[in-house]
Amino acid sequence: GDTNYADSMKGRFTISTDNAKTTVYLQMNSLEPEDTAVYSCHA
């Protein structure tokens, strides 16, 4: 359950997992044009 965020996302983005801990979510709020990118998942 330990989390780590980049400074520019902290407070706007939230990372979490499901009960099986095989799926990860990224809730992104207050999105800005600077957030435009290809987002990739790492396991």
Full PDB file with SEQRES, HELIX, SHEET, SSBOND, CRYST1, ORIGX, SCALE, CONECT and MASTER records, all heavy atoms in Angstrom:
SEQRES   1 A   43  GLY ASP THR ASN TYR ALA ASP SER MET LYS GLY ARG PHE          
SEQRES   2 A   43  THR ILE SER THR ASP ASN ALA LYS THR THR VAL TYR LEU          
SEQRES   3 A   43  GLN MET ASN SER LEU GLU PRO GLU ASP THR ALA VAL TYR          
SEQRES   4 A   43  SER CYS HIS ALA                                              
HELIX    1 AA1 PRO A   33  ASP A   35  5                                   3    
SHEET    1 AA1 2 PHE A  13  THR A  17  0                                        
SHEET    2 AA1 2 VAL A  24  MET A  28 -1                                        
CRYST1    1.000    1.000    1.000  90.00  90.00  90.00 P 1           1          
ORIGX1      1.000000  0.000000  0.000000        0.00000                         
ORIGX2      0.000000  1.000000  0.000000        0.00000                         
ORIGX3      0.000000  0.000000  1.000000        0.00000                         
SCALE1      1.000000  0.000000  0.000000        0.00000                         
SCALE2      0.000000  1.000000  0.000000        0.00000                         
SCALE3      0.000000  0.000000  1.000000        0.00000                         
ATOM      1  N   GLY A   1       0.759  -1.232   0.000  1.00  0.00           N  
ATOM      2  CA  GLY A   1       0.000   0.000   0.000  1.00  0.00           C  
ATOM      3  C   GLY A   1       0.791   1.285   0.000  1.00  0.00           C  
ATOM      4  O   GLY A   1       0.189   2.368  -0.020  1.00  0.00           O  
ATOM      5  N   ASP A   2       2.106   1.213   0.028  1.00  0.00           N  
ATOM      6  CA  ASP A   2       2.917   2.427  -0.038  1.00  0.00           C  
ATOM      7  C   ASP A   2       2.810   3.064  -1.417  1.00  0.00           C  
ATOM      8  O   ASP A   2       2.853   2.374  -2.431  1.00  0.00           O  
ATOM      9  CB  ASP A   2       4.376   2.122   0.274  1.00  0.00           C  
ATOM     10  CG  ASP A   2       4.590   1.706   1.714  1.00  0.00           C  
ATOM     11  OD1 ASP A   2       3.781   2.101   2.575  1.00  0.00           O  
ATOM     12  OD2 ASP A   2       5.570   0.985   1.984  1.00  0.00           O  
ATOM     13  N   THR A   3       2.678   4.381  -1.454  1.00  0.00           N  
ATOM     14  CA  THR A   3       2.522   5.101  -2.714  1.00  0.00           C  
ATOM     15  C   THR A   3       3.613   6.136  -2.891  1.00  0.00           C  
ATOM     16  O   THR A   3       4.189   6.641  -1.920  1.00  0.00           O  
ATOM     17  CB  THR A   3       1.150   5.790  -2.806  1.00  0.00           C  
ATOM     18  OG1 THR A   3       0.998   6.690  -1.696  1.00  0.00           O  
ATOM     19  CG2 THR A   3       0.036   4.765  -2.778  1.00  0.00           C  
ATOM     20  N   ASN A   4       3.875   6.462  -4.143  1.00  0.00           N  
ATOM     21  CA  ASN A   4       4.849   7.468  -4.509  1.00  0.00           C  
ATOM     22  C   ASN A   4       4.309   8.238  -5.704  1.00  0.00           C  
ATOM     23  O   ASN A   4       3.876   7.631  -6.685  1.00  0.00           O  
ATOM     24  CB  ASN A   4       6.196   6.825  -4.838  1.00  0.00           C  
ATOM     25  CG  ASN A   4       7.280   7.845  -5.104  1.00  0.00           C  
ATOM     26  OD1 ASN A   4       7.295   8.913  -4.491  1.00  0.00           O  
ATOM     27  ND2 ASN A   4       8.202   7.527  -6.008  1.00  0.00           N  
ATOM     28  N   TYR A   5       4.319   9.582  -5.616  1.00  0.00           N  
ATOM     29  CA  TYR A   5       3.798  10.436  -6.667  1.00  0.00           C  
ATOM     30  C   TYR A   5       4.840  11.430  -7.123  1.00  0.00           C  
ATOM     31  O   TYR A   5       5.647  11.912  -6.327  1.00  0.00           O  
ATOM     32  CB  TYR A   5       2.574  11.224  -6.186  1.00  0.00           C  
ATOM     33  CG  TYR A   5       1.358  10.394  -5.849  1.00  0.00           C  
ATOM     34  CD1 TYR A   5       1.160   9.923  -4.556  1.00  0.00           C  
ATOM     35  CD2 TYR A   5       0.409  10.103  -6.814  1.00  0.00           C  
ATOM     36  CE1 TYR A   5       0.043   9.174  -4.245  1.00  0.00           C  
ATOM     37  CE2 TYR A   5      -0.709   9.356  -6.509  1.00  0.00           C  
ATOM     38  CZ  TYR A   5      -0.889   8.893  -5.218  1.00  0.00           C  
ATOM     39  OH  TYR A   5      -2.004   8.154  -4.913  1.00  0.00           O  
ATOM     40  N   ALA A   6       4.791  11.748  -8.402  1.00  0.00           N  
ATOM     41  CA  ALA A   6       5.548  12.886  -8.888  1.00  0.00           C  
ATOM     42  C   ALA A   6       4.948  14.172  -8.313  1.00  0.00           C  
ATOM     43  O   ALA A   6       3.743  14.254  -8.080  1.00  0.00           O  
ATOM     44  CB  ALA A   6       5.531  12.933 -10.413  1.00  0.00           C  
ATOM     45  N   ASP A   7       5.794  15.181  -8.099  1.00  0.00           N  
ATOM     46  CA  ASP A   7       5.343  16.399  -7.435  1.00  0.00           C  
ATOM     47  C   ASP A   7       4.188  17.076  -8.171  1.00  0.00           C  
ATOM     48  O   ASP A   7       3.262  17.596  -7.546  1.00  0.00           O  
ATOM     49  CB  ASP A   7       6.512  17.373  -7.282  1.00  0.00           C  
ATOM     50  CG  ASP A   7       7.527  16.915  -6.264  1.00  0.00           C  
ATOM     51  OD1 ASP A   7       7.187  16.062  -5.420  1.00  0.00           O  
ATOM     52  OD2 ASP A   7       8.667  17.415  -6.299  1.00  0.00           O  
ATOM     53  N   SER A   8       4.216  17.089  -9.490  1.00  0.00           N  
ATOM     54  CA  SER A   8       3.193  17.787 -10.256  1.00  0.00           C  
ATOM     55  C   SER A   8       1.837  17.089 -10.217  1.00  0.00           C  
ATOM     56  O   SER A   8       0.818  17.712 -10.516  1.00  0.00           O  
ATOM     57  CB  SER A   8       3.646  17.959 -11.709  1.00  0.00           C  
ATOM     58  OG  SER A   8       3.850  16.705 -12.330  1.00  0.00           O  
ATOM     59  N   MET A   9       1.793  15.818  -9.862  1.00  0.00           N  
ATOM     60  CA  MET A   9       0.557  15.064  -9.799  1.00  0.00           C  
ATOM     61  C   MET A   9      -0.005  14.934  -8.387  1.00  0.00           C  
ATOM     62  O   MET A   9      -1.194  14.641  -8.227  1.00  0.00           O  
ATOM     63  CB  MET A   9       0.730  13.659 -10.373  1.00  0.00           C  
ATOM     64  CG  MET A   9       1.037  13.618 -11.857  1.00  0.00           C  
ATOM     65  SD  MET A   9       2.797  13.956 -12.147  1.00  0.00           S  
ATOM     66  CE  MET A   9       2.930  13.608 -13.894  1.00  0.00           C  
ATOM     67  N   LYS A  10       0.833  15.123  -7.386  1.00  0.00           N  
ATOM     68  CA  LYS A  10       0.421  14.922  -6.010  1.00  0.00           C  
ATOM     69  C   LYS A  10      -0.717  15.869  -5.651  1.00  0.00           C  
ATOM     70  O   LYS A  10      -0.622  17.074  -5.832  1.00  0.00           O  
ATOM     71  CB  LYS A  10       1.605  15.127  -5.067  1.00  0.00           C  
ATOM     72  CG  LYS A  10       1.377  14.615  -3.664  1.00  0.00           C  
ATOM     73  CD  LYS A  10       2.659  14.665  -2.850  1.00  0.00           C  
ATOM     74  CE  LYS A  10       2.478  14.049  -1.483  1.00  0.00           C  
ATOM     75  NZ  LYS A  10       3.733  14.061  -0.703  1.00  0.00           N  
ATOM     76  N   GLY A  11      -1.818  15.305  -5.147  1.00  0.00           N  
ATOM     77  CA  GLY A  11      -2.997  16.080  -4.818  1.00  0.00           C  
ATOM     78  C   GLY A  11      -4.050  16.064  -5.903  1.00  0.00           C  
ATOM     79  O   GLY A  11      -5.228  16.297  -5.612  1.00  0.00           O  
ATOM     80  N   ARG A  12      -3.670  15.827  -7.141  1.00  0.00           N  
ATOM     81  CA  ARG A  12      -4.608  15.737  -8.259  1.00  0.00           C  
ATOM     82  C   ARG A  12      -4.852  14.298  -8.694  1.00  0.00           C  
ATOM     83  O   ARG A  12      -5.966  13.958  -9.095  1.00  0.00           O  
ATOM     84  CB  ARG A  12      -4.102  16.531  -9.460  1.00  0.00           C  
ATOM     85  CG  ARG A  12      -3.960  18.026  -9.225  1.00  0.00           C  
ATOM     86  CD  ARG A  12      -3.698  18.760 -10.540  1.00  0.00           C  
ATOM     87  NE  ARG A  12      -2.457  18.328 -11.185  1.00  0.00           N  
ATOM     88  CZ  ARG A  12      -2.377  17.843 -12.421  1.00  0.00           C  
ATOM     89  NH1 ARG A  12      -3.476  17.734 -13.160  1.00  0.00           N  
ATOM     90  NH2 ARG A  12      -1.209  17.488 -12.924  1.00  0.00           N  
ATOM     91  N   PHE A  13      -3.821  13.477  -8.641  1.00  0.00           N  
ATOM     92  CA  PHE A  13      -3.915  12.090  -9.091  1.00  0.00           C  
ATOM     93  C   PHE A  13      -3.897  11.151  -7.889  1.00  0.00           C  
ATOM     94  O   PHE A  13      -3.239  11.423  -6.881  1.00  0.00           O  
ATOM     95  CB  PHE A  13      -2.743  11.730 -10.007  1.00  0.00           C  
ATOM     96  CG  PHE A  13      -2.743  12.438 -11.336  1.00  0.00           C  
ATOM     97  CD1 PHE A  13      -3.679  13.410 -11.648  1.00  0.00           C  
ATOM     98  CD2 PHE A  13      -1.783  12.113 -12.286  1.00  0.00           C  
ATOM     99  CE1 PHE A  13      -3.668  14.056 -12.870  1.00  0.00           C  
ATOM    100  CE2 PHE A  13      -1.766  12.751 -13.515  1.00  0.00           C  
ATOM    101  CZ  PHE A  13      -2.699  13.722 -13.811  1.00  0.00           C  
ATOM    102  N   THR A  14      -4.608  10.022  -8.013  1.00  0.00           N  
ATOM    103  CA  THR A  14      -4.648   9.014  -6.970  1.00  0.00           C  
ATOM    104  C   THR A  14      -4.469   7.636  -7.580  1.00  0.00           C  
ATOM    105  O   THR A  14      -5.197   7.272  -8.509  1.00  0.00           O  
ATOM    106  CB  THR A  14      -5.967   9.056  -6.186  1.00  0.00           C  
ATOM    107  OG1 THR A  14      -6.157  10.358  -5.618  1.00  0.00           O  
ATOM    108  CG2 THR A  14      -5.946   8.025  -5.056  1.00  0.00           C  
ATOM    109  N   ILE A  15      -3.515   6.867  -7.067  1.00  0.00           N  
ATOM    110  CA  ILE A  15      -3.287   5.511  -7.536  1.00  0.00           C  
ATOM    111  C   ILE A  15      -3.859   4.529  -6.520  1.00  0.00           C  
ATOM    112  O   ILE A  15      -3.787   4.750  -5.312  1.00  0.00           O  
ATOM    113  CB  ILE A  15      -1.784   5.251  -7.780  1.00  0.00           C  
ATOM    114  CG1 ILE A  15      -1.571   3.920  -8.500  1.00  0.00           C  
ATOM    115  CG2 ILE A  15      -0.988   5.318  -6.483  1.00  0.00           C  
ATOM    116  CD1 ILE A  15      -0.145   3.715  -8.990  1.00  0.00           C  
ATOM    117  N   SER A  16      -4.442   3.433  -7.009  1.00  0.00           N  
ATOM    118  CA  SER A  16      -5.041   2.432  -6.140  1.00  0.00           C  
ATOM    119  C   SER A  16      -5.071   1.092  -6.852  1.00  0.00           C  
ATOM    120  O   SER A  16      -4.837   1.011  -8.063  1.00  0.00           O  
ATOM    121  CB  SER A  16      -6.458   2.836  -5.717  1.00  0.00           C  
ATOM    122  OG  SER A  16      -7.307   2.949  -6.842  1.00  0.00           O  
ATOM    123  N   THR A  17      -5.373   0.022  -6.098  1.00  0.00           N  
ATOM    124  CA  THR A  17      -5.471  -1.326  -6.651  1.00  0.00           C  
ATOM    125  C   THR A  17      -6.791  -1.962  -6.258  1.00  0.00           C  
ATOM    126  O   THR A  17      -7.471  -1.496  -5.341  1.00  0.00           O  
ATOM    127  CB  THR A  17      -4.318  -2.219  -6.172  1.00  0.00           C  
ATOM    128  OG1 THR A  17      -4.352  -2.322  -4.744  1.00  0.00           O  
ATOM    129  CG2 THR A  17      -2.973  -1.643  -6.591  1.00  0.00           C  
ATOM    130  N   ASP A  18      -7.160  -3.042  -6.957  1.00  0.00           N  
ATOM    131  CA  ASP A  18      -8.346  -3.799  -6.591  1.00  0.00           C  
ATOM    132  C   ASP A  18      -7.997  -4.775  -5.470  1.00  0.00           C  
ATOM    133  O   ASP A  18      -6.863  -4.836  -5.001  1.00  0.00           O  
ATOM    134  CB  ASP A  18      -8.926  -4.521  -7.809  1.00  0.00           C  
ATOM    135  CG  ASP A  18      -8.003  -5.597  -8.365  1.00  0.00           C  
ATOM    136  OD1 ASP A  18      -6.831  -5.676  -7.935  1.00  0.00           O  
ATOM    137  OD2 ASP A  18      -8.455  -6.367  -9.234  1.00  0.00           O  
ATOM    138  N   ASN A  19      -8.998  -5.566  -5.032  1.00  0.00           N  
ATOM    139  CA  ASN A  19      -8.780  -6.475  -3.907  1.00  0.00           C  
ATOM    140  C   ASN A  19      -7.757  -7.560  -4.230  1.00  0.00           C  
ATOM    141  O   ASN A  19      -6.987  -7.976  -3.351  1.00  0.00           O  
ATOM    142  CB  ASN A  19     -10.102  -7.111  -3.482  1.00  0.00           C  
ATOM    143  CG  ASN A  19     -11.060  -6.119  -2.863  1.00  0.00           C  
ATOM    144  OD1 ASN A  19     -10.636  -5.102  -2.301  1.00  0.00           O  
ATOM    145  ND2 ASN A  19     -12.344  -6.390  -2.948  1.00  0.00           N  
ATOM    146  N   ALA A  20      -7.749  -8.041  -5.459  1.00  0.00           N  
ATOM    147  CA  ALA A  20      -6.790  -9.062  -5.863  1.00  0.00           C  
ATOM    148  C   ALA A  20      -5.400  -8.501  -6.097  1.00  0.00           C  
ATOM    149  O   ALA A  20      -4.446  -9.273  -6.235  1.00  0.00           O  
ATOM    150  CB  ALA A  20      -7.283  -9.769  -7.123  1.00  0.00           C  
ATOM    151  N   LYS A  21      -5.286  -7.192  -6.172  1.00  0.00           N  
ATOM    152  CA  LYS A  21      -4.014  -6.494  -6.391  1.00  0.00           C  
ATOM    153  C   LYS A  21      -3.356  -6.919  -7.693  1.00  0.00           C  
ATOM    154  O   LYS A  21      -2.135  -7.033  -7.787  1.00  0.00           O  
ATOM    155  CB  LYS A  21      -3.075  -6.688  -5.202  1.00  0.00           C  
ATOM    156  CG  LYS A  21      -3.622  -6.098  -3.913  1.00  0.00           C  
ATOM    157  CD  LYS A  21      -2.652  -6.226  -2.759  1.00  0.00           C  
ATOM    158  CE  LYS A  21      -3.223  -5.595  -1.505  1.00  0.00           C  
ATOM    159  NZ  LYS A  21      -2.302  -5.713  -0.356  1.00  0.00           N  
ATOM    160  N   THR A  22      -4.183  -7.148  -8.697  1.00  0.00           N  
ATOM    161  CA  THR A  22      -3.706  -7.415 -10.047  1.00  0.00           C  
ATOM    162  C   THR A  22      -4.133  -6.333 -11.026  1.00  0.00           C  
ATOM    163  O   THR A  22      -3.733  -6.377 -12.189  1.00  0.00           O  
ATOM    164  CB  THR A  22      -4.201  -8.774 -10.552  1.00  0.00           C  
ATOM    165  OG1 THR A  22      -5.630  -8.832 -10.472  1.00  0.00           O  
ATOM    166  CG2 THR A  22      -3.597  -9.902  -9.720  1.00  0.00           C  
ATOM    167  N   THR A  23      -4.944  -5.386 -10.564  1.00  0.00           N  
ATOM    168  CA  THR A  23      -5.369  -4.251 -11.368  1.00  0.00           C  
ATOM    169  C   THR A  23      -5.029  -2.964 -10.635  1.00  0.00           C  
ATOM    170  O   THR A  23      -5.302  -2.844  -9.436  1.00  0.00           O  
ATOM    171  CB  THR A  23      -6.873  -4.302 -11.666  1.00  0.00           C  
ATOM    172  OG1 THR A  23      -7.188  -5.489 -12.397  1.00  0.00           O  
ATOM    173  CG2 THR A  23      -7.304  -3.094 -12.481  1.00  0.00           C  
ATOM    174  N   VAL A  24      -4.444  -2.020 -11.344  1.00  0.00           N  
ATOM    175  CA  VAL A  24      -4.101  -0.736 -10.773  1.00  0.00           C  
ATOM    176  C   VAL A  24      -4.881   0.352 -11.496  1.00  0.00           C  
ATOM    177  O   VAL A  24      -5.066   0.284 -12.717  1.00  0.00           O  
ATOM    178  CB  VAL A  24      -2.577  -0.473 -10.840  1.00  0.00           C  
ATOM    179  CG1 VAL A  24      -2.085  -0.433 -12.284  1.00  0.00           C  
ATOM    180  CG2 VAL A  24      -2.215   0.810 -10.116  1.00  0.00           C  
ATOM    181  N   TYR A  25      -5.350   1.349 -10.730  1.00  0.00           N  
ATOM    182  CA  TYR A  25      -6.111   2.459 -11.273  1.00  0.00           C  
ATOM    183  C   TYR A  25      -5.353   3.764 -11.054  1.00  0.00           C  
ATOM    184  O   TYR A  25      -4.591   3.909 -10.102  1.00  0.00           O  
ATOM    185  CB  TYR A  25      -7.488   2.558 -10.612  1.00  0.00           C  
ATOM    186  CG  TYR A  25      -8.313   1.298 -10.711  1.00  0.00           C  
ATOM    187  CD1 TYR A  25      -8.327   0.381  -9.664  1.00  0.00           C  
ATOM    188  CD2 TYR A  25      -9.074   1.032 -11.832  1.00  0.00           C  
ATOM    189  CE1 TYR A  25      -9.075  -0.771  -9.744  1.00  0.00           C  
ATOM    190  CE2 TYR A  25      -9.828  -0.122 -11.927  1.00  0.00           C  
ATOM    191  CZ  TYR A  25      -9.826  -1.020 -10.879  1.00  0.00           C  
ATOM    192  OH  TYR A  25     -10.575  -2.172 -10.958  1.00  0.00           O  
ATOM    193  N   LEU A  26      -5.587   4.699 -11.937  1.00  0.00           N  
ATOM    194  CA  LEU A  26      -5.076   6.050 -11.781  1.00  0.00           C  
ATOM    195  C   LEU A  26      -6.234   7.015 -11.987  1.00  0.00           C  
ATOM    196  O   LEU A  26      -6.697   7.199 -13.115  1.00  0.00           O  
ATOM    197  CB  LEU A  26      -3.948   6.345 -12.772  1.00  0.00           C  
ATOM    198  CG  LEU A  26      -3.300   7.722 -12.622  1.00  0.00           C  
ATOM    199  CD1 LEU A  26      -2.533   7.809 -11.305  1.00  0.00           C  
ATOM    200  CD2 LEU A  26      -2.377   8.027 -13.796  1.00  0.00           C  
ATOM    201  N   GLN A  27      -6.713   7.603 -10.892  1.00  0.00           N  
ATOM    202  CA  GLN A  27      -7.757   8.614 -10.950  1.00  0.00           C  
ATOM    203  C   GLN A  27      -7.098   9.972 -11.151  1.00  0.00           C  
ATOM    204  O   GLN A  27      -6.308  10.404 -10.313  1.00  0.00           O  
ATOM    205  CB  GLN A  27      -8.594   8.608  -9.676  1.00  0.00           C  
ATOM    206  CG  GLN A  27      -9.694   9.663  -9.641  1.00  0.00           C  
ATOM    207  CD  GLN A  27     -10.769   9.418 -10.671  1.00  0.00           C  
ATOM    208  OE1 GLN A  27     -11.216   8.285 -10.849  1.00  0.00           O  
ATOM    209  NE2 GLN A  27     -11.179  10.469 -11.366  1.00  0.00           N  
ATOM    210  N   MET A  28      -7.426  10.637 -12.245  1.00  0.00           N  
ATOM    211  CA  MET A  28      -6.815  11.902 -12.600  1.00  0.00           C  
ATOM    212  C   MET A  28      -7.875  13.000 -12.561  1.00  0.00           C  
ATOM    213  O   MET A  28      -8.837  12.961 -13.332  1.00  0.00           O  
ATOM    214  CB  MET A  28      -6.162  11.829 -13.982  1.00  0.00           C  
ATOM    215  CG  MET A  28      -5.140  10.715 -14.116  1.00  0.00           C  
ATOM    216  SD  MET A  28      -4.279  10.727 -15.715  1.00  0.00           S  
ATOM    217  CE  MET A  28      -5.649  10.313 -16.800  1.00  0.00           C  
ATOM    218  N   ASN A  29      -7.689  13.970 -11.675  1.00  0.00           N  
ATOM    219  CA  ASN A  29      -8.602  15.094 -11.526  1.00  0.00           C  
ATOM    220  C   ASN A  29      -7.898  16.394 -11.901  1.00  0.00           C  
ATOM    221  O   ASN A  29      -6.673  16.478 -11.914  1.00  0.00           O  
ATOM    222  CB  ASN A  29      -9.124  15.181 -10.090  1.00  0.00           C  
ATOM    223  CG  ASN A  29      -9.904  13.959  -9.667  1.00  0.00           C  
ATOM    224  OD1 ASN A  29     -10.603  13.342 -10.475  1.00  0.00           O  
ATOM    225  ND2 ASN A  29      -9.806  13.607  -8.388  1.00  0.00           N  
ATOM    226  N   SER A  30      -8.700  17.415 -12.191  1.00  0.00           N  
ATOM    227  CA  SER A  30      -8.176  18.740 -12.537  1.00  0.00           C  
ATOM    228  C   SER A  30      -7.123  18.658 -13.630  1.00  0.00           C  
ATOM    229  O   SER A  30      -6.037  19.236 -13.529  1.00  0.00           O  
ATOM    230  CB  SER A  30      -7.614  19.424 -11.284  1.00  0.00           C  
ATOM    231  OG  SER A  30      -8.598  19.553 -10.282  1.00  0.00           O  
ATOM    232  N   LEU A  31      -7.446  17.945 -14.679  1.00  0.00           N  
ATOM    233  CA  LEU A  31      -6.489  17.737 -15.761  1.00  0.00           C  
ATOM    234  C   LEU A  31      -6.173  19.040 -16.490  1.00  0.00           C  
ATOM    235  O   LEU A  31      -7.031  19.911 -16.637  1.00  0.00           O  
ATOM    236  CB  LEU A  31      -7.026  16.704 -16.742  1.00  0.00           C  
ATOM    237  CG  LEU A  31      -6.971  15.255 -16.240  1.00  0.00           C  
ATOM    238  CD1 LEU A  31      -7.853  14.354 -17.086  1.00  0.00           C  
ATOM    239  CD2 LEU A  31      -5.528  14.756 -16.250  1.00  0.00           C  
ATOM    240  N   GLU A  32      -4.941  19.150 -16.929  1.00  0.00           N  
ATOM    241  CA  GLU A  32      -4.443  20.315 -17.637  1.00  0.00           C  
ATOM    242  C   GLU A  32      -3.851  19.881 -18.972  1.00  0.00           C  
ATOM    243  O   GLU A  32      -3.477  18.721 -19.140  1.00  0.00           O  
ATOM    244  CB  GLU A  32      -3.377  21.037 -16.800  1.00  0.00           C  
ATOM    245  CG  GLU A  32      -3.857  21.469 -15.424  1.00  0.00           C  
ATOM    246  CD  GLU A  32      -2.736  21.987 -14.551  1.00  0.00           C  
ATOM    247  OE1 GLU A  32      -1.566  21.944 -14.997  1.00  0.00           O  
ATOM    248  OE2 GLU A  32      -3.023  22.443 -13.422  1.00  0.00           O  
ATOM    249  N   PRO A  33      -3.757  20.812 -19.936  1.00  0.00           N  
ATOM    250  CA  PRO A  33      -3.153  20.441 -21.223  1.00  0.00           C  
ATOM    251  C   PRO A  33      -1.759  19.842 -21.083  1.00  0.00           C  
ATOM    252  O   PRO A  33      -1.371  18.993 -21.901  1.00  0.00           O  
ATOM    253  CB  PRO A  33      -3.120  21.773 -21.980  1.00  0.00           C  
ATOM    254  CG  PRO A  33      -4.269  22.540 -21.416  1.00  0.00           C  
ATOM    255  CD  PRO A  33      -4.317  22.169 -19.965  1.00  0.00           C  
ATOM    256  N   GLU A  34      -1.017  20.270 -20.063  1.00  0.00           N  
ATOM    257  CA  GLU A  34       0.321  19.741 -19.833  1.00  0.00           C  
ATOM    258  C   GLU A  34       0.316  18.260 -19.446  1.00  0.00           C  
ATOM    259  O   GLU A  34       1.370  17.615 -19.477  1.00  0.00           O  
ATOM    260  CB  GLU A  34       1.043  20.559 -18.757  1.00  0.00           C  
ATOM    261  CG  GLU A  34       1.389  21.984 -19.173  1.00  0.00           C  
ATOM    262  CD  GLU A  34       0.190  22.915 -19.183  1.00  0.00           C  
ATOM    263  OE1 GLU A  34      -0.845  22.581 -18.573  1.00  0.00           O  
ATOM    264  OE2 GLU A  34       0.287  23.992 -19.814  1.00  0.00           O  
ATOM    265  N   ASP A  35      -0.840  17.723 -19.074  1.00  0.00           N  
ATOM    266  CA  ASP A  35      -0.952  16.312 -18.741  1.00  0.00           C  
ATOM    267  C   ASP A  35      -1.086  15.428 -19.973  1.00  0.00           C  
ATOM    268  O   ASP A  35      -1.088  14.198 -19.850  1.00  0.00           O  
ATOM    269  CB  ASP A  35      -2.148  16.067 -17.815  1.00  0.00           C  
ATOM    270  CG  ASP A  35      -1.993  16.755 -16.471  1.00  0.00           C  
ATOM    271  OD1 ASP A  35      -0.880  16.698 -15.903  1.00  0.00           O  
ATOM    272  OD2 ASP A  35      -2.985  17.341 -15.989  1.00  0.00           O  
ATOM    273  N   THR A  36      -1.223  16.016 -21.135  1.00  0.00           N  
ATOM    274  CA  THR A  36      -1.354  15.252 -22.372  1.00  0.00           C  
ATOM    275  C   THR A  36      -0.112  14.397 -22.597  1.00  0.00           C  
ATOM    276  O   THR A  36       1.011  14.906 -22.627  1.00  0.00           O  
ATOM    277  CB  THR A  36      -1.567  16.184 -23.566  1.00  0.00           C  
ATOM    278  OG1 THR A  36      -2.806  16.885 -23.411  1.00  0.00           O  
ATOM    279  CG2 THR A  36      -1.608  15.398 -24.871  1.00  0.00           C  
ATOM    280  N   ALA A  37      -0.320  13.089 -22.742  1.00  0.00           N  
ATOM    281  CA  ALA A  37       0.796  12.162 -22.891  1.00  0.00           C  
ATOM    282  C   ALA A  37       0.257  10.760 -23.124  1.00  0.00           C  
ATOM    283  O   ALA A  37      -0.941  10.503 -22.978  1.00  0.00           O  
ATOM    284  CB  ALA A  37       1.692  12.179 -21.646  1.00  0.00           C  
ATOM    285  N   VAL A  38       1.150   9.862 -23.474  1.00  0.00           N  
ATOM    286  CA  VAL A  38       0.861   8.438 -23.474  1.00  0.00           C  
ATOM    287  C   VAL A  38       1.185   7.905 -22.087  1.00  0.00           C  
ATOM    288  O   VAL A  38       2.318   8.040 -21.617  1.00  0.00           O  
ATOM    289  CB  VAL A  38       1.664   7.683 -24.543  1.00  0.00           C  
ATOM    290  CG1 VAL A  38       1.425   6.178 -24.422  1.00  0.00           C  
ATOM    291  CG2 VAL A  38       1.288   8.172 -25.934  1.00  0.00           C  
ATOM    292  N   TYR A  39       0.200   7.306 -21.435  1.00  0.00           N  
ATOM    293  CA  TYR A  39       0.362   6.778 -20.091  1.00  0.00           C  
ATOM    294  C   TYR A  39       0.553   5.267 -20.166  1.00  0.00           C  
ATOM    295  O   TYR A  39      -0.263   4.558 -20.751  1.00  0.00           O  
ATOM    296  CB  TYR A  39      -0.851   7.119 -19.222  1.00  0.00           C  
ATOM    297  CG  TYR A  39      -0.902   8.569 -18.821  1.00  0.00           C  
ATOM    298  CD1 TYR A  39      -1.198   9.555 -19.752  1.00  0.00           C  
ATOM    299  CD2 TYR A  39      -0.637   8.953 -17.509  1.00  0.00           C  
ATOM    300  CE1 TYR A  39      -1.223  10.894 -19.393  1.00  0.00           C  
ATOM    301  CE2 TYR A  39      -0.668  10.289 -17.139  1.00  0.00           C  
ATOM    302  CZ  TYR A  39      -0.963  11.254 -18.081  1.00  0.00           C  
ATOM    303  OH  TYR A  39      -0.991  12.583 -17.712  1.00  0.00           O  
ATOM    304  N   SER A  40       1.633   4.775 -19.559  1.00  0.00           N  
ATOM    305  CA  SER A  40       1.988   3.365 -19.614  1.00  0.00           C  
ATOM    306  C   SER A  40       1.998   2.763 -18.222  1.00  0.00           C  
ATOM    307  O   SER A  40       2.422   3.407 -17.258  1.00  0.00           O  
ATOM    308  CB  SER A  40       3.362   3.174 -20.261  1.00  0.00           C  
ATOM    309  OG  SER A  40       3.374   3.663 -21.597  1.00  0.00           O  
ATOM    310  N   CYS A  41       1.555   1.525 -18.137  1.00  0.00           N  
ATOM    311  CA  CYS A  41       1.507   0.793 -16.887  1.00  0.00           C  
ATOM    312  C   CYS A  41       2.753  -0.073 -16.744  1.00  0.00           C  
ATOM    313  O   CYS A  41       3.197  -0.699 -17.711  1.00  0.00           O  
ATOM    314  CB  CYS A  41       0.247  -0.067 -16.847  1.00  0.00           C  
ATOM    315  SG  CYS A  41       0.036  -1.022 -15.325  1.00  0.00           S  
ATOM    316  N   HIS A  42       3.286  -0.127 -15.534  1.00  0.00           N  
ATOM    317  CA  HIS A  42       4.479  -0.906 -15.229  1.00  0.00           C  
ATOM    318  C   HIS A  42       4.172  -1.890 -14.114  1.00  0.00           C  
ATOM    319  O   HIS A  42       3.565  -1.532 -13.104  1.00  0.00           O  
ATOM    320  CB  HIS A  42       5.620   0.031 -14.824  1.00  0.00           C  
ATOM    321  CG  HIS A  42       6.867  -0.669 -14.403  1.00  0.00           C  
ATOM    322  ND1 HIS A  42       7.253  -0.767 -13.081  1.00  0.00           N  
ATOM    323  CD2 HIS A  42       7.826  -1.298 -15.123  1.00  0.00           C  
ATOM    324  CE1 HIS A  42       8.391  -1.426 -13.004  1.00  0.00           C  
ATOM    325  NE2 HIS A  42       8.756  -1.755 -14.239  1.00  0.00           N  
ATOM    326  N   ALA A  43       4.596  -3.136 -14.287  1.00  0.00           N  
ATOM    327  CA  ALA A  43       4.395  -4.183 -13.291  1.00  0.00           C  
ATOM    328  C   ALA A  43       5.729  -4.772 -12.881  1.00  0.00           C  
ATOM    329  O   ALA A  43       6.590  -5.024 -13.720  1.00  0.00           O  
ATOM    330  CB  ALA A  43       3.481  -5.278 -13.834  1.00  0.00           C  
TER     331      ALA A  43                                                      
MASTER        0    0    0    1    2    0    0    6  330    1    0    4          
END                                                                             
